[in-house]
Amino acid sequence: MLDLTYDYESCVKASERISWKVDDVLPVNAKLDFTRPFLPDQLAGTRGLATLGGAPFLDDHARLRLNQIGGNAYLNLFGFVEEYILATMMKHAQAEVFGDPMNLRALLRFTDEELKHQALFNRYRDAFERDFQHRCGVLKNAVEVAGVIMSHSPAAVLLITLHIELMTQQHYVECVKDAPMDPLFQSLLKHHWLEESQHARIDALELDKIARTLSSEKRDLAVDEYLGILDAFDGLLAEQAKLDIESLSTVLGRTFNEAEADAIRASQLAAYRKTFIWYGMTNPTFVSTTKKLSPSKAVTVAERALKFASSERPSQIPTARA
């Protein structure tokens, strides 16, 4: 029902063609360049923080450190959500054990690549913690969150997964590809994007398979569940923004008053919302998919996307500090 122009076999062939090794992307003991930003301006929360109330606030050094703290959180959040994505696709692969061999191959490559991404992110985290010289607070309860997400209907879980993986592609192509930033971090995001582009296609194929079995009412419900997951994820982003204030305070050896802390929190949260929520909800492929699944709920998604950046939402998923 999604009118897809590709199949599982084409995903396998593309995956084999662009396959890479962790050691080639991020060699052991590789050095990140801490004289450069880790995130492009479009994704960073540092803009507008040079002054506060007309007075100097964060200088270039402080904003660079906040950019790197945000970059570290950005990558951790990908590792965070890939816990549930890995578990989800293992379930889908298990369902194909006695089914179509090509579908199974595509799903098994998907899970293997997700495990590779986690290994890449773990190696990056070791390099960051080794050379940044300060431990930064990041969200830690990925397994618990994975359980909450996977408690929703399979269609809703696939919809949020498609959102995330299309969002990843958009980040690289529109923001990261030509940005002046640490080349090692940039390369890491490039190789992550290469494989996520195939994962998004497999998400769509699996979603199409499930959606064909659902009534229009259940497809509507899946979109409602997807929006509920986003509300909960927004709570995690708010928690990460608070952790960033603590990390920056430690890095700079500086205490922020209430107004200063609120300015940093608001800036980081706005950036995280745009990065992880707005980009996915407004991605053209995602918009087209929701319209085919549920034309009426697609209108709701579009309306929510417009409001997300400015509205405060309570966390519905339990969070934990590092």
C-alpha atoms as a PDB file:
ATOM      1  CA  MET A   1       0.000   0.000   0.000  1.00  0.00           C
ATOM      2  CA  LEU A   2       3.043   2.280   0.271  1.00  0.00           C
ATOM      3  CA  ASP A   3       3.832   1.980  -3.467  1.00  0.00           C
ATOM      4  CA  LEU A   4       7.506   1.188  -2.861  1.00  0.00           C
ATOM      5  CA  THR A   5       9.890   1.020  -5.822  1.00  0.00           C
ATOM      6  CA  TYR A   6      12.483  -1.295  -4.221  1.00  0.00           C
ATOM      7  CA  ASP A   7      12.568  -4.727  -2.626  1.00  0.00           C
ATOM      8  CA  TYR A   8      14.604  -6.746  -0.120  1.00  0.00           C
ATOM      9  CA  GLU A   9      17.013  -8.011  -2.761  1.00  0.00           C
ATOM     10  CA  SER A  10      17.972  -4.482  -3.853  1.00  0.00           C
ATOM     11  CA  CYS A  11      18.604  -3.595  -0.199  1.00  0.00           C
ATOM     12  CA  VAL A  12      20.947  -6.570   0.199  1.00  0.00           C
ATOM     13  CA  LYS A  13      22.873  -5.660  -2.957  1.00  0.00           C
ATOM     14  CA  ALA A  14      23.262  -2.033  -1.864  1.00  0.00           C
ATOM     15  CA  SER A  15      24.341  -3.123   1.610  1.00  0.00           C
ATOM     16  CA  GLU A  16      27.032  -5.386   0.169  1.00  0.00           C
ATOM     17  CA  ARG A  17      28.257  -2.621  -2.130  1.00  0.00           C
ATOM     18  CA  ILE A  18      28.769   0.046   0.565  1.00  0.00           C
ATOM     19  CA  SER A  19      29.824  -2.198   3.459  1.00  0.00           C
ATOM     20  CA  TRP A  20      32.608  -0.858   5.725  1.00  0.00           C
ATOM     21  CA  LYS A  21      34.642  -1.955   8.753  1.00  0.00           C
ATOM     22  CA  VAL A  22      34.856  -0.194  12.121  1.00  0.00           C
ATOM     23  CA  ASP A  23      38.666  -0.230  12.012  1.00  0.00           C
ATOM     24  CA  ASP A  24      38.626   1.646   8.703  1.00  0.00           C
ATOM     25  CA  VAL A  25      36.239   4.345   9.908  1.00  0.00           C
ATOM     26  CA  LEU A  26      37.596   4.857  13.428  1.00  0.00           C
ATOM     27  CA  PRO A  27      40.950   3.152  14.010  1.00  0.00           C
ATOM     28  CA  VAL A  28      41.900   2.180  17.540  1.00  0.00           C
ATOM     29  CA  ASN A  29      43.495   5.158  19.345  1.00  0.00           C
ATOM     30  CA  ALA A  30      42.240   7.590  16.685  1.00  0.00           C
ATOM     31  CA  LYS A  31      42.289  11.227  17.854  1.00  0.00           C
ATOM     32  CA  LEU A  32      39.293  13.530  17.563  1.00  0.00           C
ATOM     33  CA  ASP A  33      40.101  17.166  16.768  1.00  0.00           C
ATOM     34  CA  PHE A  34      38.882  19.194  19.747  1.00  0.00           C
ATOM     35  CA  THR A  35      39.832  22.453  18.071  1.00  0.00           C
ATOM     36  CA  ARG A  36      36.829  21.995  15.754  1.00  0.00           C
ATOM     37  CA  PRO A  37      33.081  21.650  16.268  1.00  0.00           C
ATOM     38  CA  PHE A  38      31.498  18.196  16.190  1.00  0.00           C
ATOM     39  CA  LEU A  39      28.089  19.365  14.985  1.00  0.00           C
ATOM     40  CA  PRO A  40      27.169  21.696  12.115  1.00  0.00           C
ATOM     41  CA  ASP A  41      25.401  24.946  12.989  1.00  0.00           C
ATOM     42  CA  GLN A  42      22.029  23.584  11.835  1.00  0.00           C
ATOM     43  CA  LEU A  43      22.103  20.900  14.547  1.00  0.00           C
ATOM     44  CA  ALA A  44      23.982  22.661  17.347  1.00  0.00           C
ATOM     45  CA  GLY A  45      22.459  24.478  20.294  1.00  0.00           C
ATOM     46  CA  THR A  46      25.138  27.134  20.605  1.00  0.00           C
ATOM     47  CA  ARG A  47      23.745  29.819  18.350  1.00  0.00           C
ATOM     48  CA  GLY A  48      22.429  32.842  20.174  1.00  0.00           C
ATOM     49  CA  LEU A  49      24.394  32.157  23.361  1.00  0.00           C
ATOM     50  CA  ALA A  50      27.218  34.626  22.775  1.00  0.00           C
ATOM     51  CA  THR A  51      25.205  37.217  24.711  1.00  0.00           C
ATOM     52  CA  LEU A  52      22.446  37.136  27.297  1.00  0.00           C
ATOM     53  CA  GLY A  53      20.327  40.197  27.953  1.00  0.00           C
ATOM     54  CA  GLY A  54      22.707  42.246  25.821  1.00  0.00           C
ATOM     55  CA  ALA A  55      25.772  41.280  27.898  1.00  0.00           C
ATOM     56  CA  PRO A  56      28.558  38.823  26.905  1.00  0.00           C
ATOM     57  CA  PHE A  57      27.661  35.308  27.980  1.00  0.00           C
ATOM     58  CA  LEU A  58      29.468  32.369  26.337  1.00  0.00           C
ATOM     59  CA  ASP A  59      32.663  33.134  24.422  1.00  0.00           C
ATOM     60  CA  ASP A  60      33.920  31.174  21.401  1.00  0.00           C
ATOM     61  CA  HIS A  61      35.733  28.624  23.577  1.00  0.00           C
ATOM     62  CA  ALA A  62      32.672  27.977  25.743  1.00  0.00           C
ATOM     63  CA  ARG A  63      30.386  27.606  22.737  1.00  0.00           C
ATOM     64  CA  LEU A  64      32.854  25.222  21.062  1.00  0.00           C
ATOM     65  CA  ARG A  65      32.870  23.061  24.184  1.00  0.00           C
ATOM     66  CA  LEU A  66      29.061  23.107  24.288  1.00  0.00           C
ATOM     67  CA  ASN A  67      29.012  22.082  20.619  1.00  0.00           C
ATOM     68  CA  GLN A  68      31.270  19.107  21.425  1.00  0.00           C
ATOM     69  CA  ILE A  69      29.161  18.180  24.454  1.00  0.00           C
ATOM     70  CA  GLY A  70      26.111  18.260  22.175  1.00  0.00           C
ATOM     71  CA  GLY A  71      27.914  16.163  19.554  1.00  0.00           C
ATOM     72  CA  ASN A  72      28.740  13.559  22.163  1.00  0.00           C
ATOM     73  CA  ALA A  73      25.099  13.492  23.296  1.00  0.00           C
ATOM     74  CA  TYR A  74      23.939  13.320  19.657  1.00  0.00           C
ATOM     75  CA  LEU A  75      25.912  10.169  19.023  1.00  0.00           C
ATOM     76  CA  ASN A  76      24.932   8.668  22.362  1.00  0.00           C
ATOM     77  CA  LEU A  77      21.270   9.209  21.502  1.00  0.00           C
ATOM     78  CA  PHE A  78      21.748   7.218  18.296  1.00  0.00           C
ATOM     79  CA  GLY A  79      23.340   4.398  20.270  1.00  0.00           C
ATOM     80  CA  PHE A  80      20.477   4.772  22.719  1.00  0.00           C
ATOM     81  CA  VAL A  81      17.689   4.248  20.172  1.00  0.00           C
ATOM     82  CA  GLU A  82      19.568   1.552  18.273  1.00  0.00           C
ATOM     83  CA  GLU A  83      19.112  -0.727  21.293  1.00  0.00           C
ATOM     84  CA  TYR A  84      15.413  -1.066  20.554  1.00  0.00           C
ATOM     85  CA  ILE A  85      15.913  -1.019  16.761  1.00  0.00           C
ATOM     86  CA  LEU A  86      18.277  -3.988  17.018  1.00  0.00           C
ATOM     87  CA  ALA A  87      15.835  -5.918  19.194  1.00  0.00           C
ATOM     88  CA  THR A  88      12.930  -5.062  16.882  1.00  0.00           C
ATOM     89  CA  MET A  89      14.674  -6.223  13.732  1.00  0.00           C
ATOM     90  CA  MET A  90      15.824  -9.428  15.386  1.00  0.00           C
ATOM     91  CA  LYS A  91      12.136 -10.185  16.026  1.00  0.00           C
ATOM     92  CA  HIS A  92      11.292  -9.430  12.404  1.00  0.00           C
ATOM     93  CA  ALA A  93      14.157 -11.645  11.219  1.00  0.00           C
ATOM     94  CA  GLN A  94      12.971 -14.494  13.441  1.00  0.00           C
ATOM     95  CA  ALA A  95       9.543 -14.249  11.808  1.00  0.00           C
ATOM     96  CA  GLU A  96      11.228 -14.856   8.416  1.00  0.00           C
ATOM     97  CA  VAL A  97      13.255 -17.926   9.450  1.00  0.00           C
ATOM     98  CA  PHE A  98      10.867 -20.196   7.545  1.00  0.00           C
ATOM     99  CA  GLY A  99       9.765 -17.501   5.121  1.00  0.00           C
ATOM    100  CA  ASP A 100      11.413 -15.739   2.192  1.00  0.00           C
ATOM    101  CA  PRO A 101      15.223 -16.305   2.229  1.00  0.00           C
ATOM    102  CA  MET A 102      15.956 -12.903   0.648  1.00  0.00           C
ATOM    103  CA  ASN A 103      13.833 -11.092   3.220  1.00  0.00           C
ATOM    104  CA  LEU A 104      15.724 -12.956   5.929  1.00  0.00           C
ATOM    105  CA  ARG A 105      19.093 -12.010   4.420  1.00  0.00           C
ATOM    106  CA  ALA A 106      18.112  -8.340   4.361  1.00  0.00           C
ATOM    107  CA  LEU A 107      16.925  -8.375   7.973  1.00  0.00           C
ATOM    108  CA  LEU A 108      19.994 -10.263   9.203  1.00  0.00           C
ATOM    109  CA  ARG A 109      22.302  -7.782   7.455  1.00  0.00           C
ATOM    110  CA  PHE A 110      20.289  -4.999   9.088  1.00  0.00           C
ATOM    111  CA  THR A 111      20.827  -6.453  12.581  1.00  0.00           C
ATOM    112  CA  ASP A 112      24.522  -7.114  11.930  1.00  0.00           C
ATOM    113  CA  GLU A 113      25.007  -3.521  10.789  1.00  0.00           C
ATOM    114  CA  GLU A 114      23.210  -2.184  13.872  1.00  0.00           C
ATOM    115  CA  LEU A 115      25.608  -4.172  16.049  1.00  0.00           C
ATOM    116  CA  LYS A 116      28.496  -2.724  14.042  1.00  0.00           C
ATOM    117  CA  HIS A 117      27.157   0.793  14.617  1.00  0.00           C
ATOM    118  CA  GLN A 118      27.058   0.146  18.348  1.00  0.00           C
ATOM    119  CA  ALA A 119      30.674  -1.020  18.241  1.00  0.00           C
ATOM    120  CA  LEU A 120      31.599   2.141  16.332  1.00  0.00           C
ATOM    121  CA  PHE A 121      29.796   4.365  18.836  1.00  0.00           C
ATOM    122  CA  ASN A 122      31.449   2.572  21.767  1.00  0.00           C
ATOM    123  CA  ARG A 123      34.882   3.146  20.249  1.00  0.00           C
ATOM    124  CA  TYR A 124      34.043   6.798  19.639  1.00  0.00           C
ATOM    125  CA  ARG A 125      32.862   7.179  23.245  1.00  0.00           C
ATOM    126  CA  ASP A 126      36.155   5.751  24.513  1.00  0.00           C
ATOM    127  CA  ALA A 127      38.095   8.244  22.352  1.00  0.00           C
ATOM    128  CA  PHE A 128      35.937  11.153  23.496  1.00  0.00           C
ATOM    129  CA  GLU A 129      36.214  10.329  27.203  1.00  0.00           C
ATOM    130  CA  ARG A 130      39.952   9.739  26.879  1.00  0.00           C
ATOM    131  CA  ASP A 131      40.788  13.072  25.239  1.00  0.00           C
ATOM    132  CA  PHE A 132      38.029  15.495  26.245  1.00  0.00           C
ATOM    133  CA  GLN A 133      39.343  15.256  29.829  1.00  0.00           C
ATOM    134  CA  HIS A 134      35.912  15.678  31.373  1.00  0.00           C
ATOM    135  CA  ARG A 135      33.115  13.145  31.709  1.00  0.00           C
ATOM    136  CA  CYS A 136      29.888  14.375  30.128  1.00  0.00           C
ATOM    137  CA  GLY A 137      26.459  13.349  31.352  1.00  0.00           C
ATOM    138  CA  VAL A 138      24.440  11.270  28.875  1.00  0.00           C
ATOM    139  CA  LEU A 139      21.274   9.197  29.111  1.00  0.00           C
ATOM    140  CA  LYS A 140      21.979   5.640  30.216  1.00  0.00           C
ATOM    141  CA  ASN A 141      18.782   3.568  30.533  1.00  0.00           C
ATOM    142  CA  ALA A 142      18.561   2.414  26.911  1.00  0.00           C
ATOM    143  CA  VAL A 143      17.321  -1.102  27.707  1.00  0.00           C
ATOM    144  CA  GLU A 144      14.449   0.186  29.834  1.00  0.00           C
ATOM    145  CA  VAL A 145      13.458   2.685  27.153  1.00  0.00           C
ATOM    146  CA  ALA A 146      13.670  -0.032  24.492  1.00  0.00           C
ATOM    147  CA  GLY A 147      11.150  -2.070  26.447  1.00  0.00           C
ATOM    148  CA  VAL A 148       8.743   0.870  26.644  1.00  0.00           C
ATOM    149  CA  ILE A 149       8.951   1.561  22.905  1.00  0.00           C
ATOM    150  CA  MET A 150       8.575  -2.095  21.957  1.00  0.00           C
ATOM    151  CA  SER A 151       5.432  -2.387  24.093  1.00  0.00           C
ATOM    152  CA  HIS A 152       3.606  -0.486  21.336  1.00  0.00           C
ATOM    153  CA  SER A 153       2.104  -2.045  18.208  1.00  0.00           C
ATOM    154  CA  PRO A 154       4.554  -3.304  15.550  1.00  0.00           C
ATOM    155  CA  ALA A 155       3.292  -0.687  13.078  1.00  0.00           C
ATOM    156  CA  ALA A 156       3.921   2.156  15.533  1.00  0.00           C
ATOM    157  CA  VAL A 157       7.410   0.836  16.328  1.00  0.00           C
ATOM    158  CA  LEU A 158       8.249   0.625  12.627  1.00  0.00           C
ATOM    159  CA  LEU A 159       6.897   4.121  12.078  1.00  0.00           C
ATOM    160  CA  ILE A 160       9.147   5.674  14.750  1.00  0.00           C
ATOM    161  CA  THR A 161      12.061   3.609  13.395  1.00  0.00           C
ATOM    162  CA  LEU A 162      11.453   4.903   9.875  1.00  0.00           C
ATOM    163  CA  HIS A 163      11.313   8.440  11.314  1.00  0.00           C
ATOM    164  CA  ILE A 164      14.711   7.996  12.979  1.00  0.00           C
ATOM    165  CA  GLU A 165      16.479   6.478   9.996  1.00  0.00           C
ATOM    166  CA  LEU A 166      15.133   8.956   7.463  1.00  0.00           C
ATOM    167  CA  MET A 167      16.105  11.724   9.880  1.00  0.00           C
ATOM    168  CA  THR A 168      19.668  10.367   9.977  1.00  0.00           C
ATOM    169  CA  GLN A 169      19.946  10.606   6.205  1.00  0.00           C
ATOM    170  CA  GLN A 170      18.636  14.155   6.172  1.00  0.00           C
ATOM    171  CA  HIS A 171      21.115  15.225   8.847  1.00  0.00           C
ATOM    172  CA  TYR A 172      24.078  14.035   6.803  1.00  0.00           C
ATOM    173  CA  VAL A 173      22.964  15.219   3.367  1.00  0.00           C
ATOM    174  CA  GLU A 174      21.626  18.634   4.399  1.00  0.00           C
ATOM    175  CA  CYS A 175      23.795  19.527   7.390  1.00  0.00           C
ATOM    176  CA  VAL A 176      26.910  17.410   7.919  1.00  0.00           C
ATOM    177  CA  LYS A 177      28.262  16.622   4.454  1.00  0.00           C
ATOM    178  CA  ASP A 178      29.930  19.975   3.705  1.00  0.00           C
ATOM    179  CA  ALA A 179      30.141  21.442   7.223  1.00  0.00           C
ATOM    180  CA  PRO A 180      33.405  22.743   8.742  1.00  0.00           C
ATOM    181  CA  MET A 181      33.774  20.212  11.577  1.00  0.00           C
ATOM    182  CA  ASP A 182      36.047  17.519  12.942  1.00  0.00           C
ATOM    183  CA  PRO A 183      36.769  15.293   9.894  1.00  0.00           C
ATOM    184  CA  LEU A 184      36.816  12.078  11.935  1.00  0.00           C
ATOM    185  CA  PHE A 185      33.391  12.762  13.431  1.00  0.00           C
ATOM    186  CA  GLN A 186      32.154  13.772   9.979  1.00  0.00           C
ATOM    187  CA  SER A 187      33.414  10.508   8.468  1.00  0.00           C
ATOM    188  CA  LEU A 188      31.763   8.514  11.227  1.00  0.00           C
ATOM    189  CA  LEU A 189      28.405  10.151  10.461  1.00  0.00           C
ATOM    190  CA  LYS A 190      28.898   9.558   6.730  1.00  0.00           C
ATOM    191  CA  HIS A 191      29.414   5.830   7.140  1.00  0.00           C
ATOM    192  CA  HIS A 192      26.524   5.587   9.565  1.00  0.00           C
ATOM    193  CA  TRP A 193      24.320   7.353   6.983  1.00  0.00           C
ATOM    194  CA  LEU A 194      25.401   4.986   4.181  1.00  0.00           C
ATOM    195  CA  GLU A 195      23.973   1.971   5.944  1.00  0.00           C
ATOM    196  CA  GLU A 196      20.993   3.726   7.520  1.00  0.00           C
ATOM    197  CA  SER A 197      19.795   4.620   4.014  1.00  0.00           C
ATOM    198  CA  GLN A 198      19.226   0.893   3.392  1.00  0.00           C
ATOM    199  CA  HIS A 199      17.749   0.387   6.842  1.00  0.00           C
ATOM    200  CA  ALA A 200      15.094   3.014   6.130  1.00  0.00           C
ATOM    201  CA  ARG A 201      14.073   1.056   3.033  1.00  0.00           C
ATOM    202  CA  ILE A 202      13.786  -2.173   4.987  1.00  0.00           C
ATOM    203  CA  ASP A 203      11.720  -0.324   7.619  1.00  0.00           C
ATOM    204  CA  ALA A 204       9.347   0.770   4.864  1.00  0.00           C
ATOM    205  CA  LEU A 205       9.139  -2.740   3.398  1.00  0.00           C
ATOM    206  CA  GLU A 206       8.315  -4.218   6.808  1.00  0.00           C
ATOM    207  CA  LEU A 207       5.828  -1.446   7.534  1.00  0.00           C
ATOM    208  CA  ASP A 208       4.139  -2.025   4.188  1.00  0.00           C
ATOM    209  CA  LYS A 209       3.879  -5.739   4.951  1.00  0.00           C
ATOM    210  CA  ILE A 210       2.173  -5.072   8.302  1.00  0.00           C
ATOM    211  CA  ALA A 211       0.007  -2.164   7.137  1.00  0.00           C
ATOM    212  CA  ARG A 212      -1.609  -4.342   4.475  1.00  0.00           C
ATOM    213  CA  THR A 213      -3.053  -6.515   7.260  1.00  0.00           C
ATOM    214  CA  LEU A 214      -4.484  -3.611   9.294  1.00  0.00           C
ATOM    215  CA  SER A 215      -7.840  -1.894   9.180  1.00  0.00           C
ATOM    216  CA  SER A 216      -7.903   1.868   8.694  1.00  0.00           C
ATOM    217  CA  GLU A 217      -8.754   2.243  12.392  1.00  0.00           C
ATOM    218  CA  LYS A 218      -5.659   0.301  13.445  1.00  0.00           C
ATOM    219  CA  ARG A 219      -3.484   2.298  11.061  1.00  0.00           C
ATOM    220  CA  ASP A 220      -4.864   5.479  12.654  1.00  0.00           C
ATOM    221  CA  LEU A 221      -4.051   4.068  16.077  1.00  0.00           C
ATOM    222  CA  ALA A 222      -0.488   3.265  14.992  1.00  0.00           C
ATOM    223  CA  VAL A 223       0.074   6.909  14.070  1.00  0.00           C
ATOM    224  CA  ASP A 224      -1.379   8.011  17.417  1.00  0.00           C
ATOM    225  CA  GLU A 225       1.025   5.629  19.186  1.00  0.00           C
ATOM    226  CA  TYR A 226       3.907   7.034  17.145  1.00  0.00           C
ATOM    227  CA  LEU A 227       3.025  10.533  18.349  1.00  0.00           C
ATOM    228  CA  GLY A 228       2.900   9.268  21.916  1.00  0.00           C
ATOM    229  CA  ILE A 229       6.393   7.806  21.556  1.00  0.00           C
ATOM    230  CA  LEU A 230       7.613  11.175  20.275  1.00  0.00           C
ATOM    231  CA  ASP A 231       6.105  12.938  23.295  1.00  0.00           C
ATOM    232  CA  ALA A 232       7.969  10.545  25.568  1.00  0.00           C
ATOM    233  CA  PHE A 233      11.201  10.903  23.612  1.00  0.00           C
ATOM    234  CA  ASP A 234      10.881  14.657  23.987  1.00  0.00           C
ATOM    235  CA  GLY A 235      11.116  14.116  27.724  1.00  0.00           C
ATOM    236  CA  LEU A 236      14.437  12.350  27.223  1.00  0.00           C
ATOM    237  CA  LEU A 237      15.711  15.281  25.175  1.00  0.00           C
ATOM    238  CA  ALA A 238      14.747  17.654  27.973  1.00  0.00           C
ATOM    239  CA  GLU A 239      16.726  15.518  30.425  1.00  0.00           C
ATOM    240  CA  GLN A 240      19.744  15.536  28.106  1.00  0.00           C
ATOM    241  CA  ALA A 241      19.598  19.331  27.852  1.00  0.00           C
ATOM    242  CA  LYS A 242      19.811  19.547  31.659  1.00  0.00           C
ATOM    243  CA  LEU A 243      22.768  17.166  31.687  1.00  0.00           C
ATOM    244  CA  ASP A 244      24.515  19.398  29.130  1.00  0.00           C
ATOM    245  CA  ILE A 245      24.360  22.355  31.537  1.00  0.00           C
ATOM    246  CA  GLU A 246      26.074  20.306  34.233  1.00  0.00           C
ATOM    247  CA  SER A 247      28.714  19.087  31.761  1.00  0.00           C
ATOM    248  CA  LEU A 248      29.462  22.601  30.510  1.00  0.00           C
ATOM    249  CA  SER A 249      29.699  23.903  34.074  1.00  0.00           C
ATOM    250  CA  THR A 250      32.266  21.203  34.883  1.00  0.00           C
ATOM    251  CA  VAL A 251      34.271  21.774  31.694  1.00  0.00           C
ATOM    252  CA  LEU A 252      34.452  25.552  32.176  1.00  0.00           C
ATOM    253  CA  GLY A 253      34.803  25.457  35.956  1.00  0.00           C
ATOM    254  CA  ARG A 254      31.937  27.935  36.074  1.00  0.00           C
ATOM    255  CA  THR A 255      28.620  28.051  37.895  1.00  0.00           C
ATOM    256  CA  PHE A 256      25.565  29.301  36.016  1.00  0.00           C
ATOM    257  CA  ASN A 257      22.810  31.262  37.678  1.00  0.00           C
ATOM    258  CA  GLU A 258      19.164  30.403  37.041  1.00  0.00           C
ATOM    259  CA  ALA A 259      18.750  32.709  34.038  1.00  0.00           C
ATOM    260  CA  GLU A 260      21.990  31.490  32.443  1.00  0.00           C
ATOM    261  CA  ALA A 261      21.158  27.829  33.005  1.00  0.00           C
ATOM    262  CA  ASP A 262      17.675  28.346  31.572  1.00  0.00           C
ATOM    263  CA  ALA A 263      19.101  29.987  28.450  1.00  0.00           C
ATOM    264  CA  ILE A 264      21.453  27.049  27.845  1.00  0.00           C
ATOM    265  CA  ARG A 265      18.725  24.503  28.552  1.00  0.00           C
ATOM    266  CA  ALA A 266      16.277  26.200  26.186  1.00  0.00           C
ATOM    267  CA  SER A 267      18.866  26.469  23.416  1.00  0.00           C
ATOM    268  CA  GLN A 268      19.990  22.843  23.713  1.00  0.00           C
ATOM    269  CA  LEU A 269      16.436  21.525  23.935  1.00  0.00           C
ATOM    270  CA  ALA A 270      15.357  23.506  20.867  1.00  0.00           C
ATOM    271  CA  ALA A 271      18.324  22.090  18.947  1.00  0.00           C
ATOM    272  CA  TYR A 272      17.619  18.509  20.052  1.00  0.00           C
ATOM    273  CA  ARG A 273      13.936  18.853  19.161  1.00  0.00           C
ATOM    274  CA  LYS A 274      14.731  20.141  15.710  1.00  0.00           C
ATOM    275  CA  THR A 275      17.400  17.472  15.196  1.00  0.00           C
ATOM    276  CA  PHE A 276      15.585  14.386  16.477  1.00  0.00           C
ATOM    277  CA  ILE A 277      11.916  15.271  16.110  1.00  0.00           C
ATOM    278  CA  TRP A 278      11.273  18.004  13.544  1.00  0.00           C
ATOM    279  CA  TYR A 279      13.604  16.619  10.864  1.00  0.00           C
ATOM    280  CA  GLY A 280      11.939  13.203  11.036  1.00  0.00           C
ATOM    281  CA  MET A 281       8.347  14.450  11.132  1.00  0.00           C
ATOM    282  CA  THR A 282       8.865  16.737   8.142  1.00  0.00           C
ATOM    283  CA  ASN A 283      11.040  14.440   6.029  1.00  0.00           C
ATOM    284  CA  PRO A 284       9.336  14.245   2.590  1.00  0.00           C
ATOM    285  CA  THR A 285       9.445  10.446   2.472  1.00  0.00           C
ATOM    286  CA  PHE A 286       8.040  10.201   5.978  1.00  0.00           C
ATOM    287  CA  VAL A 287       5.272  12.697   5.185  1.00  0.00           C
ATOM    288  CA  SER A 288       4.344  10.677   2.093  1.00  0.00           C
ATOM    289  CA  THR A 289       4.310   7.458   4.133  1.00  0.00           C
ATOM    290  CA  THR A 290       1.996   8.826   6.819  1.00  0.00           C
ATOM    291  CA  LYS A 291      -0.386  10.170   4.165  1.00  0.00           C
ATOM    292  CA  LYS A 292      -0.662   6.696   2.645  1.00  0.00           C
ATOM    293  CA  LEU A 293      -1.108   5.014   6.020  1.00  0.00           C
ATOM    294  CA  SER A 294      -3.638   7.457   7.408  1.00  0.00           C
ATOM    295  CA  PRO A 295      -4.563  10.638   5.505  1.00  0.00           C
ATOM    296  CA  SER A 296      -6.412  12.129   8.483  1.00  0.00           C
ATOM    297  CA  LYS A 297      -3.654  11.399  10.990  1.00  0.00           C
ATOM    298  CA  ALA A 298      -1.052  12.748   8.567  1.00  0.00           C
ATOM    299  CA  VAL A 299      -2.679  16.142   9.094  1.00  0.00           C
ATOM    300  CA  THR A 300      -2.257  15.701  12.856  1.00  0.00           C
ATOM    301  CA  VAL A 301       1.425  14.828  12.401  1.00  0.00           C
ATOM    302  CA  ALA A 302       1.976  17.974  10.301  1.00  0.00           C
ATOM    303  CA  GLU A 303       0.228  20.131  12.894  1.00  0.00           C
ATOM    304  CA  ARG A 304       2.227  18.604  15.747  1.00  0.00           C
ATOM    305  CA  ALA A 305       5.489  19.168  13.874  1.00  0.00           C
ATOM    306  CA  LEU A 306       4.755  22.898  13.730  1.00  0.00           C
ATOM    307  CA  LYS A 307       4.113  23.087  17.473  1.00  0.00           C
ATOM    308  CA  PHE A 308       6.809  20.761  18.780  1.00  0.00           C
ATOM    309  CA  ALA A 309       9.669  23.231  19.037  1.00  0.00           C
ATOM    310  CA  SER A 310       7.857  25.649  21.339  1.00  0.00           C
ATOM    311  CA  SER A 311       5.831  23.361  23.597  1.00  0.00           C
ATOM    312  CA  GLU A 312       7.010  21.793  26.862  1.00  0.00           C
ATOM    313  CA  ARG A 313       6.146  18.119  27.170  1.00  0.00           C
ATOM    314  CA  PRO A 314       6.506  15.886  30.251  1.00  0.00           C
ATOM    315  CA  SER A 315       8.611  12.759  30.011  1.00  0.00           C
ATOM    316  CA  GLN A 316       6.622   9.531  29.791  1.00  0.00           C
ATOM    317  CA  ILE A 317       9.736   7.367  29.630  1.00  0.00           C
ATOM    318  CA  PRO A 318      11.861   6.910  32.791  1.00  0.00           C
ATOM    319  CA  THR A 319      15.250   8.597  32.520  1.00  0.00           C
ATOM    320  CA  ALA A 320      18.535   8.194  34.357  1.00  0.00           C
ATOM    321  CA  ARG A 321      21.604  10.335  34.707  1.00  0.00           C
ATOM    322  CA  ALA A 322      25.069   9.136  33.853  1.00  0.00           C
END
